[in-house]
Amino acid sequence: MKFDLAIVQLAIIFLPGLIWARLDARYAMKSKPSDVEFFIRAFLFGITSYVVTFLVYALAGLSFTPIGLSEAPRSMPAYPVDADTH
């Protein structure tokens, strides 16, 4: 079984947004959002969290270097493969 790199990237982008959108829908909104509205909010919250992280790194003078995913393999194994067992 292999994971597609695009799915992993989308999960990384959406995870903070999904957490934030869920908290927002549960505690801050007066009515329940539609599914489309929830996923739009999750995407925007996710992007916002990464922008804030970048700004915090920049203000602290730390290097925020994105990983070059163009050199990454297109898919990766679901479980680490040991050279001793295969």
Protein backbone atom coordinates (compact mmCIF):
# COMPACT_ATOMS: atom_id res chain seq x y z
CA MET A 1 0.00 0.00 0.00
CA LYS A 2 1.35 3.42 -0.99
CA PHE A 3 0.34 6.93 -0.01
CA ASP A 4 0.07 9.52 -2.75
CA LEU A 5 2.22 12.57 -1.98
CA ALA A 6 -0.56 14.96 -3.03
CA ILE A 7 -2.92 13.46 -0.43
CA VAL A 8 -0.27 13.86 2.28
CA GLN A 9 0.29 17.50 1.25
CA LEU A 10 -3.44 18.25 1.33
CA ALA A 11 -3.73 16.62 4.75
CA ILE A 12 -0.90 18.77 6.05
CA ILE A 13 -2.55 21.92 4.70
CA PHE A 14 -6.05 21.03 5.93
CA LEU A 15 -5.26 19.58 9.38
CA PRO A 16 -4.84 22.85 11.32
CA GLY A 17 -7.77 24.32 9.44
CA LEU A 18 -10.03 21.37 10.18
CA ILE A 19 -9.23 21.62 13.88
CA TRP A 20 -9.80 25.37 13.89
CA ALA A 21 -13.01 25.17 11.79
CA ARG A 22 -14.40 22.47 14.08
CA LEU A 23 -13.74 24.62 17.16
CA ASP A 24 -15.24 27.64 15.40
CA ALA A 25 -18.36 25.71 14.35
CA ARG A 26 -18.85 24.27 17.80
CA TYR A 27 -18.19 27.27 20.04
CA ALA A 28 -18.28 30.51 18.02
CA MET A 29 -20.94 30.19 15.32
CA LYS A 30 -24.61 30.60 16.15
CA SER A 31 -25.80 28.22 13.40
CA LYS A 32 -24.24 25.11 11.93
CA PRO A 33 -22.36 25.85 8.68
CA SER A 34 -23.04 23.88 5.50
CA ASP A 35 -20.47 21.29 4.42
CA VAL A 36 -19.14 23.55 1.66
CA GLU A 37 -18.87 26.48 4.05
CA PHE A 38 -17.10 24.28 6.63
CA PHE A 39 -14.45 23.11 4.13
CA ILE A 40 -13.90 26.63 2.78
CA ARG A 41 -13.37 27.82 6.36
CA ALA A 42 -11.06 24.87 7.05
CA PHE A 43 -8.94 25.72 4.00
CA LEU A 44 -8.78 29.42 4.88
CA PHE A 45 -8.01 28.71 8.53
CA GLY A 46 -5.27 26.26 7.47
CA ILE A 47 -3.63 28.77 5.13
CA THR A 48 -3.94 31.48 7.80
CA SER A 49 -2.21 29.28 10.38
CA TYR A 50 0.74 28.74 8.03
CA VAL A 51 0.96 32.48 7.24
CA VAL A 52 1.01 33.26 10.97
CA THR A 53 3.69 30.59 11.50
CA PHE A 54 5.79 32.13 8.71
CA LEU A 55 5.42 35.62 10.23
CA VAL A 56 6.40 34.38 13.69
CA TYR A 57 9.51 32.75 12.21
CA ALA A 58 10.33 35.94 10.28
CA LEU A 59 9.92 38.17 13.35
CA ALA A 60 12.07 35.82 15.41
CA GLY A 61 14.76 35.88 12.71
CA LEU A 62 14.54 32.14 12.14
CA SER A 63 14.88 30.46 8.76
CA PHE A 64 11.62 29.20 7.29
CA THR A 65 12.73 27.17 4.30
CA PRO A 66 10.06 25.17 2.51
CA ILE A 67 11.00 21.63 1.63
CA GLY A 68 11.59 21.06 -2.06
CA LEU A 69 8.85 18.58 -2.88
CA SER A 70 9.79 18.44 -6.56
CA GLU A 71 12.66 16.11 -5.62
CA ALA A 72 10.42 13.92 -3.45
CA PRO A 73 9.18 10.59 -4.79
CA ARG A 74 5.64 10.62 -6.22
CA SER A 75 4.50 8.01 -3.71
CA MET A 76 5.87 6.62 -0.49
CA PRO A 77 5.44 3.26 1.24
CA ALA A 78 2.83 3.07 3.96
CA TYR A 79 5.21 1.16 6.24
CA PRO A 80 8.97 1.58 6.51
CA VAL A 81 10.80 -1.15 4.68
CA ASP A 82 13.66 -2.76 6.57
CA ALA A 83 16.58 -3.97 4.49
CA ASP A 84 17.06 -6.87 6.92
CA THR A 85 13.56 -8.28 6.50
CA HIS A 86 13.41 -8.10 2.68
